[in-house]
Each structure stands twice: as structure tokens, then as C-alpha cells.
Amino acid sequence: MLATVQRVSSAKVIIEDELYSSIGNGCLIFVCVEQNDTHEKINEMVNKIINFRMLDGPKGITSLSLKDSNEEVLIVSQFTLAAITNKGSKPSFHRAAKPQDAKLMYDEFVNEFRKLFINVHEGKFGALMEITLTNKGPVTFNFKT
């Protein structure tokens, strides 16, 4: 499982020219399910992101975790995080899970996240989305389980 997390002051998902979801201060999480990902990897990724100190807190720029904040989260599925780009001039996505498997795992990721964090919004799995964001910092972290 792969995730790219960006701190944002705002982010929104637009589908077919309509606002689908949005957040203010918080984190935009792009998540990618890879082949052979397990329930354990989902739980590991959720816990890693929720407990990772990436927010501004009383001790500086990376002193507060999501679990200790009142910020919002926007989760968006993005299979292109699994792209293999080191050979040739075209990406390979053979490490990404098949769409039907990825959907189940993505839904489980979102559900597990919601069990531990209240302010969760999401994109629409498999949809062509326009994502707009204002990166705060800029601060971006990549995670792999």
C-alpha cells in the first residue's frame, strides 16, 4: 500500500463540474492499493498516517499528529502512485491491484480511518476527478507499507 499525504489549507474534489467533497485545514491523502496488500497493511497504513507528526503544534512545524488535531482529512484513491517509471517512456501499473480488489481495500482503508478519526471526507473511487488543493508549507510525505 502506498500513500502520499499533503498538508493543505484547502482541498476539493470536483466530478463532472460539480463539487463532490471538500476540506479546509488538514491533509489530502492519495492512497494506492497494490497487489498482495492485506488487511494488516491497511491497518498499518492507517495507524502510521494518523500517528505521524506532520502538523503544526506547540513545539513547531511537525509536532502534532492527526489523532491529536481537529483538522480534516480528504482521502482519494490514486492507482498511479504504483507507476513504475524507471524504464522506457511509458509507466507500468502492474503493481497496482485490480480495480475490483482495490475498491474493496480502499473502502476498508476509509472505514478504518473513520474508526480512529472523525473528520474524514473522500473522493469517488474510479471516477475521473479534478482535485484542487492549496498545499500548506509545502509539506508532503510518502508512505509505504
Protein backbone atom coordinates (compact mmCIF):
# COMPACT_ATOMS: atom_id res chain seq x y z
CA MET A 1 0.00 0.00 0.00
CA LEU A 2 1.23 3.45 -0.90
CA ALA A 3 0.09 6.87 0.24
CA THR A 4 1.09 10.44 -0.45
CA VAL A 5 -0.08 12.88 2.20
CA GLN A 6 -0.09 16.62 1.63
CA ARG A 7 -0.84 19.18 4.29
CA VAL A 8 -3.40 21.59 2.89
CA SER A 9 -5.23 24.74 3.87
CA SER A 10 -7.99 23.61 1.49
CA ALA A 11 -8.73 20.82 -0.98
CA LYS A 12 -11.71 19.79 -3.04
CA VAL A 13 -12.87 17.07 -5.40
CA ILE A 14 -14.89 18.03 -8.46
CA ILE A 15 -16.66 15.38 -10.56
CA GLU A 16 -18.45 16.32 -13.78
CA ASP A 17 -18.18 20.04 -12.93
CA GLU A 18 -19.89 19.50 -9.55
CA LEU A 19 -18.31 19.82 -6.11
CA TYR A 20 -18.20 16.30 -4.66
CA SER A 21 -16.33 16.92 -1.39
CA SER A 22 -14.01 19.44 0.22
CA ILE A 23 -12.00 20.21 3.34
CA GLY A 24 -10.34 23.18 4.98
CA ASN A 25 -7.16 22.81 7.05
CA GLY A 26 -5.92 19.25 7.17
CA CYS A 27 -4.45 16.55 4.98
CA LEU A 28 -5.16 15.31 1.48
CA ILE A 29 -4.34 11.60 1.33
CA PHE A 30 -3.80 9.92 -2.02
CA VAL A 31 -3.89 6.17 -1.46
CA CYS A 32 -2.94 3.31 -3.76
CA VAL A 33 -3.70 -0.35 -3.18
CA GLU A 34 -1.07 -2.68 -4.59
CA GLN A 35 -1.33 -6.36 -5.45
CA ASN A 36 -0.92 -8.56 -2.38
CA ASP A 37 -1.91 -5.82 0.06
CA THR A 38 -3.58 -7.24 3.15
CA HIS A 39 -5.91 -6.11 5.92
CA GLU A 40 -2.85 -5.86 8.14
CA LYS A 41 -1.19 -3.46 5.70
CA ILE A 42 -4.32 -1.32 5.65
CA ASN A 43 -4.34 -1.08 9.44
CA GLU A 44 -0.60 -0.38 9.47
CA MET A 45 -1.01 2.44 6.94
CA VAL A 46 -3.97 4.00 8.76
CA ASN A 47 -2.11 3.93 12.07
CA LYS A 48 1.08 5.26 10.50
CA ILE A 49 -0.67 8.25 8.94
CA ILE A 50 -2.88 9.07 11.94
CA ASN A 51 0.05 8.95 14.38
CA PHE A 52 2.71 10.61 12.17
CA ARG A 53 3.66 14.06 13.43
CA MET A 54 3.20 16.23 10.36
CA LEU A 55 1.07 19.13 11.60
CA ASP A 56 1.94 22.41 13.29
CA GLY A 57 1.77 22.10 17.03
CA PRO A 58 3.02 23.81 20.16
CA LYS A 59 6.55 22.55 19.54
CA GLY A 60 6.87 23.52 15.88
CA ILE A 61 6.03 22.52 12.32
CA THR A 62 5.97 18.73 12.81
CA SER A 63 4.98 18.30 16.43
CA LEU A 64 1.30 17.31 16.13
CA SER A 65 -0.32 14.19 14.67
CA LEU A 66 -3.75 13.96 13.05
CA LYS A 67 -5.08 11.96 16.01
CA ASP A 68 -4.32 14.91 18.28
CA SER A 69 -5.82 17.54 15.98
CA ASN A 70 -9.17 18.94 14.91
CA GLU A 71 -8.15 19.08 11.26
CA GLU A 72 -9.91 17.41 8.33
CA VAL A 73 -8.85 14.60 6.00
CA LEU A 74 -9.73 14.07 2.35
CA ILE A 75 -8.94 10.55 1.05
CA VAL A 76 -8.65 9.98 -2.70
CA SER A 77 -7.82 6.72 -4.47
CA GLN A 78 -4.91 7.13 -6.90
CA PHE A 79 -3.62 3.97 -8.57
CA THR A 80 -0.93 5.93 -10.45
CA LEU A 81 1.15 6.01 -7.26
CA ALA A 82 2.10 2.44 -8.18
CA ALA A 83 3.54 3.51 -11.53
CA ILE A 84 6.90 2.05 -12.47
CA THR A 85 8.75 4.87 -14.21
CA ASN A 86 12.40 3.81 -14.28
CA LYS A 87 12.30 2.02 -17.67
CA GLY A 88 11.32 3.45 -21.01
CA SER A 89 8.99 6.38 -21.59
CA LYS A 90 5.66 4.85 -20.54
CA PRO A 91 4.58 3.97 -16.99
CA SER A 92 3.76 0.42 -15.99
CA PHE A 93 0.99 -0.16 -13.47
CA HIS A 94 1.43 -3.90 -12.96
CA ARG A 95 1.97 -3.46 -9.20
CA ALA A 96 -1.42 -1.80 -8.68
CA ALA A 97 -4.26 -4.03 -7.51
CA LYS A 98 -7.03 -4.91 -9.96
CA PRO A 99 -9.90 -2.38 -9.74
CA GLN A 100 -12.40 -4.72 -8.06
CA ASP A 101 -9.86 -5.72 -5.40
CA ALA A 102 -8.60 -2.17 -4.97
CA LYS A 103 -12.14 -0.87 -4.40
CA LEU A 104 -12.71 -3.30 -1.52
CA MET A 105 -9.38 -2.44 0.08
CA TYR A 106 -9.87 1.30 -0.47
CA ASP A 107 -13.28 1.14 1.23
CA GLU A 108 -11.73 -0.77 4.12
CA PHE A 109 -8.97 1.86 4.40
CA VAL A 110 -11.56 4.67 4.59
CA ASN A 111 -13.67 2.75 7.12
CA GLU A 112 -10.68 2.01 9.34
CA PHE A 113 -9.61 5.65 9.13
CA ARG A 114 -13.10 6.76 10.17
CA LYS A 115 -12.97 4.49 13.22
CA LEU A 116 -9.98 6.47 14.52
CA PHE A 117 -10.59 9.94 13.10
CA ILE A 118 -13.88 11.83 12.78
CA ASN A 119 -13.33 14.48 10.09
CA VAL A 120 -12.96 12.22 7.04
CA HIS A 121 -14.16 13.07 3.53
CA GLU A 122 -13.38 11.19 0.35
CA GLY A 123 -13.27 11.20 -3.41
CA LYS A 124 -15.16 8.73 -5.57
CA PHE A 125 -13.30 5.53 -6.37
CA GLY A 126 -12.78 5.04 -10.11
CA ALA A 127 -14.20 8.42 -11.10
CA LEU A 128 -12.42 10.99 -13.23
CA MET A 129 -11.85 13.67 -10.61
CA GLU A 130 -10.43 17.14 -10.61
CA ILE A 131 -8.54 17.71 -7.38
CA THR A 132 -7.66 21.23 -6.34
CA LEU A 133 -5.56 21.95 -3.31
CA THR A 134 -3.58 24.61 -1.57
CA ASN A 135 -0.51 22.88 -0.20
CA LYS A 136 0.42 24.21 3.21
CA GLY A 137 4.14 24.57 3.77
CA PRO A 138 4.53 22.94 1.26
CA VAL A 139 4.63 19.72 3.25
CA THR A 140 4.28 16.34 1.52
CA PHE A 141 5.07 12.86 2.85
CA ASN A 142 5.17 9.49 1.08
CA PHE A 143 4.30 6.30 2.96
CA LYS A 144 4.68 2.63 2.05
CA THR A 145 3.65 -0.48 3.95
